Amino acid sequence: MTTADASPPPRGATTPATDPTPAADPALATDPALATDPAPAPAAGAAPGTGVGVDVDAVPLRHPGRWAAGVAIGVLAAMGVHSLVTNRNFQWGTVGDYLFAEPVLRGLWATVYLTVIAMAIGIVGGIVLAILRMSPNPVVAGAAWLYIWFFRGTPLLVQILFWSFIGALYPRLSLGIPFGPSFVSGDANHIVPLFAAAVLGLGLNEAAYMAEIVRAGINGVDAGQTEAASALGMSRALTLRRIVLPQAMRTIIPPTGNETISMLKTTSLVSVISYNELLNATRLIYARNFQTIPLLIVAALWYLALTSVLTVGQHQLERRFARGTLARVGERR
């Protein structure tokens, strides 16, 4: 019995590489009959890696809580409508008689006018206060903070009453050199009538809240925008007007719309100083005919109508100032 020579190859000799895969048969490449078809695609609904179809019996997720909430809300709505229709104490006929009465329409116009003037003062004052609040000068920033602290910390009704009774504190108001002679002076009750007291009370208070809204919007703009404008040689005022504020409007518009709607309803507070706005106009009517509930419903309906118009306007403004943002979001999708 002989054994094969198992001695290793000499140093430096190369061993031929062996391919573990068998060589392809040339006949398969030339004969179409012997070629194999490609593997069939897996069937639709097949399990991964198996090619075997799987029937899935999906059961929709049930939401009994939604049905219960819907039924409860429907029952409450039906009860409310039934009460409005059947309860004669609402006196809908009287409501219709006074809904477009001349005193009510005059009060409605006074409410709209007061809202516009007070919000204009609040917006302009808020922008100025926000800029002063962000000033690098600590004295100016501290004075703006003190204003915001005081007007946000005291009740609005107290401020309105204070302005209406300004004549009791300062019988005469004058304009002149501080601690020196005065150039113009007059009776405080003539200088600050009821309308001026209402505007000052509402507008100065609103400026404190608008200052924080504007400041939040300015802080929401990337600091790189300001740095780029400064590198281009733009002044701080020009940067604020042309670069910062237009971008901050996306953040400022929604809360400003809410403040405007709130201001429209807050004007009813000036009825305590007998300014003839919407609520006071209806109050004077039901003080004579004792139809309190119908006249209050008249005021509520007009407030609802005005706030609905403002809500639509707010939505349109938000869409206009968010056009660039919405377009970028659509491109990402």
Protein backbone atom coordinates (compact mmCIF):
# COMPACT_ATOMS: atom_id res chain seq x y z
CA MET A 1 0.00 0.00 0.00
CA THR A 2 1.44 3.36 -1.04
CA THR A 3 0.62 6.81 0.24
CA ALA A 4 0.54 10.04 -1.77
CA ASP A 5 3.30 12.59 -1.36
CA ALA A 6 1.88 15.24 0.97
CA SER A 7 4.99 17.38 1.17
CA PRO A 8 4.36 21.14 1.04
CA PRO A 9 5.29 23.08 -2.10
CA PRO A 10 8.66 24.77 -2.16
CA ARG A 11 9.07 28.32 -0.79
CA GLY A 12 8.04 30.98 -3.36
CA ALA A 13 5.89 28.65 -5.42
CA THR A 14 2.32 29.77 -6.19
CA THR A 15 -0.68 27.60 -5.76
CA PRO A 16 -3.41 27.90 -8.44
CA ALA A 17 -6.62 29.43 -7.06
CA THR A 18 -9.64 27.22 -7.00
CA ASP A 19 -13.16 28.55 -7.70
CA PRO A 20 -15.72 26.87 -5.43
CA THR A 21 -18.55 27.60 -7.87
CA PRO A 22 -18.86 25.09 -10.67
CA ALA A 23 -18.18 26.34 -14.16
CA ALA A 24 -21.19 27.14 -16.26
CA ASP A 25 -22.05 24.60 -18.93
CA PRO A 26 -21.51 26.19 -22.38
CA ALA A 27 -24.47 24.24 -23.68
CA LEU A 28 -26.82 26.20 -21.40
CA ALA A 29 -25.71 29.50 -22.94
CA THR A 30 -26.19 28.29 -26.54
CA ASP A 31 -29.23 26.03 -26.32
CA PRO A 32 -32.47 28.03 -25.56
CA ALA A 33 -34.27 24.87 -24.62
CA LEU A 34 -31.89 24.22 -21.76
CA ALA A 35 -32.00 27.83 -20.39
CA THR A 36 -33.92 28.29 -17.12
CA ASP A 37 -36.70 30.89 -16.71
CA PRO A 38 -36.27 33.69 -14.12
CA ALA A 39 -37.91 33.23 -10.74
CA PRO A 40 -41.56 34.37 -10.76
CA ALA A 41 -42.49 37.56 -8.85
CA PRO A 42 -44.15 36.98 -5.47
CA ALA A 43 -47.91 37.12 -5.48
CA ALA A 44 -49.73 40.17 -4.16
CA GLY A 45 -50.27 39.94 -0.42
CA ALA A 46 -47.51 37.34 -0.07
CA ALA A 47 -45.58 37.05 3.14
CA PRO A 48 -42.03 38.46 2.86
CA GLY A 49 -39.55 35.86 1.62
CA THR A 50 -42.13 33.12 1.04
CA GLY A 51 -44.03 33.99 -2.12
CA VAL A 52 -47.12 32.48 -0.53
CA GLY A 53 -50.26 34.68 -0.44
CA VAL A 54 -51.74 35.49 2.97
CA ASP A 55 -55.39 36.47 3.44
CA VAL A 56 -55.72 39.23 6.10
CA ASP A 57 -59.08 39.70 7.74
CA ALA A 58 -58.71 43.35 8.95
CA VAL A 59 -61.12 44.41 11.68
CA PRO A 60 -61.80 48.18 11.78
CA LEU A 61 -60.94 49.88 15.05
CA ARG A 62 -64.04 50.86 16.94
CA HIS A 63 -64.35 54.14 18.85
CA PRO A 64 -67.24 53.85 21.29
CA GLY A 65 -66.14 57.02 23.06
CA ARG A 66 -66.66 59.07 19.91
CA TRP A 67 -70.17 57.74 19.49
CA ALA A 68 -70.99 58.42 23.13
CA ALA A 69 -69.64 61.98 22.90
CA GLY A 70 -71.54 62.59 19.66
CA VAL A 71 -74.80 61.34 21.15
CA ALA A 72 -74.32 63.45 24.30
CA ILE A 73 -73.55 66.60 22.29
CA GLY A 74 -76.51 65.94 20.01
CA VAL A 75 -78.88 65.56 22.96
CA LEU A 76 -77.59 68.76 24.59
CA ALA A 77 -77.91 70.67 21.30
CA ALA A 78 -81.47 69.42 20.83
CA MET A 79 -82.35 70.46 24.39
CA GLY A 80 -80.89 73.93 23.78
CA VAL A 81 -82.77 74.45 20.53
CA HIS A 82 -86.00 73.21 22.11
CA SER A 83 -85.55 75.64 25.00
CA LEU A 84 -84.88 78.56 22.65
CA VAL A 85 -87.98 77.79 20.60
CA THR A 86 -90.47 76.95 23.34
CA ASN A 87 -89.43 79.31 26.16
CA ARG A 88 -91.54 82.44 25.75
CA ASN A 89 -89.42 84.40 28.20
CA PHE A 90 -86.83 84.93 25.47
CA GLN A 91 -89.40 87.16 23.70
CA TRP A 92 -87.96 86.81 20.21
CA GLY A 93 -90.53 89.24 18.87
CA THR A 94 -89.13 91.98 21.10
CA VAL A 95 -85.62 91.03 20.02
CA GLY A 96 -86.60 91.54 16.39
CA ASP A 97 -88.20 94.89 17.18
CA TYR A 98 -85.02 96.32 18.75
CA LEU A 99 -82.33 94.54 16.71
CA PHE A 100 -82.13 97.38 14.17
CA ALA A 101 -83.45 100.18 16.36
CA GLU A 102 -81.71 103.53 15.86
CA PRO A 103 -80.31 103.81 19.43
CA VAL A 104 -78.87 100.31 19.14
CA LEU A 105 -77.23 101.05 15.78
CA ARG A 106 -75.71 104.25 17.17
CA GLY A 107 -74.27 102.26 20.06
CA LEU A 108 -73.00 99.67 17.60
CA TRP A 109 -71.17 102.32 15.59
CA ALA A 110 -69.69 103.78 18.78
CA THR A 111 -68.40 100.31 19.74
CA VAL A 112 -66.73 99.79 16.35
CA TYR A 113 -65.20 103.28 16.39
CA LEU A 114 -63.92 102.85 19.93
CA THR A 115 -62.42 99.46 19.06
CA VAL A 116 -60.54 100.83 16.05
CA ILE A 117 -59.11 103.85 17.89
CA ALA A 118 -58.14 101.88 21.01
CA MET A 119 -56.46 99.12 18.98
CA ALA A 120 -54.57 101.68 16.88
CA ILE A 121 -53.20 103.24 20.07
CA GLY A 122 -52.44 99.80 21.47
CA ILE A 123 -50.59 98.56 18.38
CA VAL A 124 -48.49 101.70 17.90
CA GLY A 125 -47.78 101.95 21.61
CA GLY A 126 -46.96 98.24 21.77
CA ILE A 127 -44.40 98.50 18.96
CA VAL A 128 -42.73 101.48 20.63
CA LEU A 129 -42.70 99.79 24.03
CA ALA A 130 -41.30 96.56 22.56
CA ILE A 131 -38.44 98.46 20.91
CA LEU A 132 -37.72 100.35 24.13
CA ARG A 133 -37.95 97.13 26.12
CA MET A 134 -35.21 95.60 23.93
CA SER A 135 -33.01 98.70 24.05
CA PRO A 136 -29.42 98.22 25.25
CA ASN A 137 -29.93 101.31 27.42
CA PRO A 138 -30.92 99.94 30.86
CA VAL A 139 -32.77 103.12 31.83
CA VAL A 140 -34.99 103.05 28.74
CA ALA A 141 -35.57 99.30 29.00
CA GLY A 142 -36.40 99.65 32.70
CA ALA A 143 -38.91 102.44 32.05
CA ALA A 144 -40.66 100.31 29.40
CA TRP A 145 -40.74 97.33 31.77
CA LEU A 146 -42.23 99.53 34.51
CA TYR A 147 -45.00 100.71 32.18
CA ILE A 148 -45.85 97.14 31.16
CA TRP A 149 -45.77 95.98 34.78
CA PHE A 150 -48.15 98.70 35.96
CA PHE A 151 -50.76 98.52 33.20
CA ARG A 152 -50.84 94.73 33.17
CA GLY A 153 -50.94 94.55 36.95
CA THR A 154 -53.95 96.78 37.57
CA PRO A 155 -57.54 95.98 36.49
CA LEU A 156 -58.71 97.60 33.28
CA LEU A 157 -61.95 98.74 34.89
CA VAL A 158 -59.98 100.62 37.55
CA GLN A 159 -57.93 102.35 34.85
CA ILE A 160 -61.08 103.40 32.97
CA LEU A 161 -62.62 104.79 36.15
CA PHE A 162 -59.37 106.59 36.95
CA TRP A 163 -59.36 108.39 33.60
CA SER A 164 -63.03 109.30 33.94
CA PHE A 165 -62.34 110.88 37.36
CA ILE A 166 -59.08 112.57 36.37
CA GLY A 167 -60.69 115.93 37.10
CA ALA A 168 -60.96 115.05 40.78
CA LEU A 169 -57.20 114.48 40.96
CA TYR A 170 -56.08 117.26 38.61
CA PRO A 171 -58.83 119.90 38.24
CA ARG A 172 -56.80 121.74 35.60
CA LEU A 173 -54.38 120.28 33.08
CA SER A 174 -51.62 122.46 31.67
CA LEU A 175 -48.87 122.25 29.08
CA GLY A 176 -45.61 124.09 29.61
CA ILE A 177 -42.05 123.88 30.89
CA PRO A 178 -41.58 121.35 33.72
CA PHE A 179 -41.40 123.16 37.07
CA GLY A 180 -41.83 126.39 35.13
CA PRO A 181 -44.54 128.48 33.49
CA SER A 182 -47.40 126.82 31.61
CA PHE A 183 -48.39 127.87 28.11
CA VAL A 184 -51.84 126.26 27.82
CA SER A 185 -54.20 125.11 30.56
CA GLY A 186 -57.83 124.05 30.78
CA ASP A 187 -60.46 122.24 32.76
CA ALA A 188 -59.64 118.53 33.00
CA ASN A 189 -63.25 117.49 32.47
CA HIS A 190 -63.31 119.35 29.15
CA ILE A 191 -59.91 118.06 28.04
CA VAL A 192 -60.70 114.44 28.97
CA PRO A 193 -64.38 113.81 28.14
CA LEU A 194 -66.00 110.39 28.34
CA PHE A 195 -64.78 109.31 24.91
CA ALA A 196 -61.18 110.33 25.68
CA ALA A 197 -61.34 108.56 29.04
CA ALA A 198 -62.58 105.38 27.34
CA VAL A 199 -59.92 105.55 24.61
CA LEU A 200 -57.10 106.24 27.08
CA GLY A 201 -58.21 103.48 29.42
CA LEU A 202 -58.51 100.87 26.67
CA GLY A 203 -55.62 101.96 24.45
CA LEU A 204 -52.93 102.43 27.10
CA ASN A 205 -53.81 99.12 28.69
CA GLU A 206 -53.73 97.34 25.34
CA ALA A 207 -50.29 98.80 24.56
CA ALA A 208 -48.82 96.88 27.51
CA TYR A 209 -50.09 93.55 26.15
CA MET A 210 -49.19 94.34 22.55
CA ALA A 211 -45.64 95.17 23.65
CA GLU A 212 -45.09 91.60 24.81
CA ILE A 213 -46.66 90.21 21.63
CA VAL A 214 -44.42 92.35 19.40
CA ARG A 215 -41.34 91.56 21.49
CA ALA A 216 -42.01 87.83 21.18
CA GLY A 217 -42.39 88.18 17.41
CA ILE A 218 -39.13 90.12 17.08
CA ASN A 219 -37.25 87.60 19.22
CA GLY A 220 -38.60 84.83 16.99
CA VAL A 221 -36.66 86.17 13.98
CA ASP A 222 -33.26 84.55 13.50
CA ALA A 223 -30.43 86.73 14.78
CA GLY A 224 -28.54 86.04 11.57
CA GLN A 225 -31.00 88.26 9.71
CA THR A 226 -29.99 91.25 11.81
CA GLU A 227 -26.30 90.41 11.50
CA ALA A 228 -26.57 90.15 7.71
CA ALA A 229 -28.36 93.50 7.51
CA SER A 230 -25.71 95.09 9.70
CA ALA A 231 -22.99 93.68 7.46
CA LEU A 232 -24.69 95.35 4.49
CA GLY A 233 -24.51 98.70 6.27
CA MET A 234 -28.20 99.01 7.14
CA SER A 235 -29.08 101.06 10.20
CA ARG A 236 -30.85 99.52 13.18
CA ALA A 237 -34.10 101.35 12.39
CA LEU A 238 -34.00 100.33 8.72
CA THR A 239 -33.22 96.74 9.67
CA LEU A 240 -36.15 96.67 12.03
CA ARG A 241 -38.53 98.17 9.48
CA ARG A 242 -37.43 96.28 6.34
CA ILE A 243 -36.07 92.98 7.68
CA VAL A 244 -37.24 92.10 11.18
CA LEU A 245 -40.83 93.32 11.42
CA PRO A 246 -42.02 91.82 8.08
CA GLN A 247 -40.79 88.40 9.20
CA ALA A 248 -42.13 88.83 12.72
CA MET A 249 -45.63 89.55 11.39
CA ARG A 250 -46.26 85.82 10.96
CA THR A 251 -45.95 85.48 14.72
CA ILE A 252 -47.58 88.80 15.63
CA ILE A 253 -50.76 88.58 13.50
CA PRO A 254 -52.58 85.68 15.26
CA PRO A 255 -52.39 87.07 18.82
CA THR A 256 -53.11 90.58 17.52
CA GLY A 257 -56.31 89.27 15.94
CA ASN A 258 -57.26 87.69 19.23
CA GLU A 259 -56.57 90.96 21.03
CA THR A 260 -58.77 92.85 18.56
CA ILE A 261 -61.66 90.46 19.12
CA SER A 262 -61.14 90.75 22.86
CA MET A 263 -61.02 94.54 22.60
CA LEU A 264 -64.36 94.58 20.77
CA LYS A 265 -66.00 92.84 23.70
CA THR A 266 -63.98 94.70 26.33
CA THR A 267 -65.44 98.01 25.15
CA SER A 268 -68.56 97.02 27.10
CA LEU A 269 -66.65 97.99 30.26
CA VAL A 270 -66.91 101.68 29.38
CA SER A 271 -70.64 101.46 30.03
CA VAL A 272 -69.76 102.01 33.70
CA ILE A 273 -68.77 105.60 32.86
CA SER A 274 -71.99 106.04 30.83
CA TYR A 275 -70.31 106.15 27.44
CA ASN A 276 -73.01 105.32 24.90
CA GLU A 277 -71.60 102.18 23.30
CA LEU A 278 -73.61 99.08 22.37
CA LEU A 279 -74.18 97.63 25.83
CA ASN A 280 -74.98 100.99 27.38
CA ALA A 281 -77.42 101.77 24.55
CA THR A 282 -79.36 98.57 25.23
CA ARG A 283 -79.14 99.17 28.98
CA LEU A 284 -80.77 102.58 28.61
CA ILE A 285 -83.62 100.99 26.65
CA TYR A 286 -84.37 98.18 29.09
CA ALA A 287 -84.12 100.63 31.98
CA ARG A 288 -87.25 102.27 30.52
CA ASN A 289 -89.29 99.29 29.29
CA PHE A 290 -87.91 96.58 31.67
CA GLN A 291 -87.33 94.17 28.75
CA THR A 292 -83.95 93.17 30.13
CA ILE A 293 -83.49 89.72 28.59
CA PRO A 294 -84.53 90.65 25.01
CA LEU A 295 -82.27 93.72 24.98
CA LEU A 296 -79.32 91.74 26.31
CA ILE A 297 -79.92 89.20 23.54
CA VAL A 298 -79.85 92.05 21.02
CA ALA A 299 -76.44 93.16 22.31
CA ALA A 300 -75.15 89.57 22.32
CA LEU A 301 -76.27 88.99 18.71
CA TRP A 302 -74.47 92.11 17.50
CA TYR A 303 -71.30 91.16 19.40
CA LEU A 304 -71.45 87.70 17.79
CA ALA A 305 -71.87 89.21 14.34
CA LEU A 306 -68.93 91.59 14.76
CA THR A 307 -66.61 88.96 16.23
CA SER A 308 -67.49 86.61 13.36
CA VAL A 309 -66.46 89.26 10.81
CA LEU A 310 -63.20 89.88 12.68
CA THR A 311 -62.51 86.14 12.84
CA VAL A 312 -62.82 85.84 9.05
CA GLY A 313 -60.54 88.85 8.58
CA GLN A 314 -57.99 87.39 10.98
CA HIS A 315 -57.97 84.11 9.05
CA GLN A 316 -57.38 85.90 5.74
CA LEU A 317 -54.51 87.94 7.20
CA GLU A 318 -52.88 84.83 8.64
CA ARG A 319 -53.06 83.11 5.25
CA ARG A 320 -51.59 86.14 3.50
CA PHE A 321 -48.59 86.50 5.81
CA ALA A 322 -47.99 82.73 5.90
CA ARG A 323 -47.92 82.26 2.10
CA GLY A 324 -44.16 81.82 1.94
CA THR A 325 -44.13 79.39 4.84
CA LEU A 326 -46.99 77.30 3.44
CA ALA A 327 -45.29 77.16 0.03
CA ARG A 328 -42.04 75.86 1.57
CA VAL A 329 -43.93 73.24 3.56
CA GLY A 330 -45.69 72.08 0.38
CA GLU A 331 -42.34 71.77 -1.43
CA ARG A 332 -40.90 69.61 1.35
CA ARG A 333 -43.86 67.26 1.09
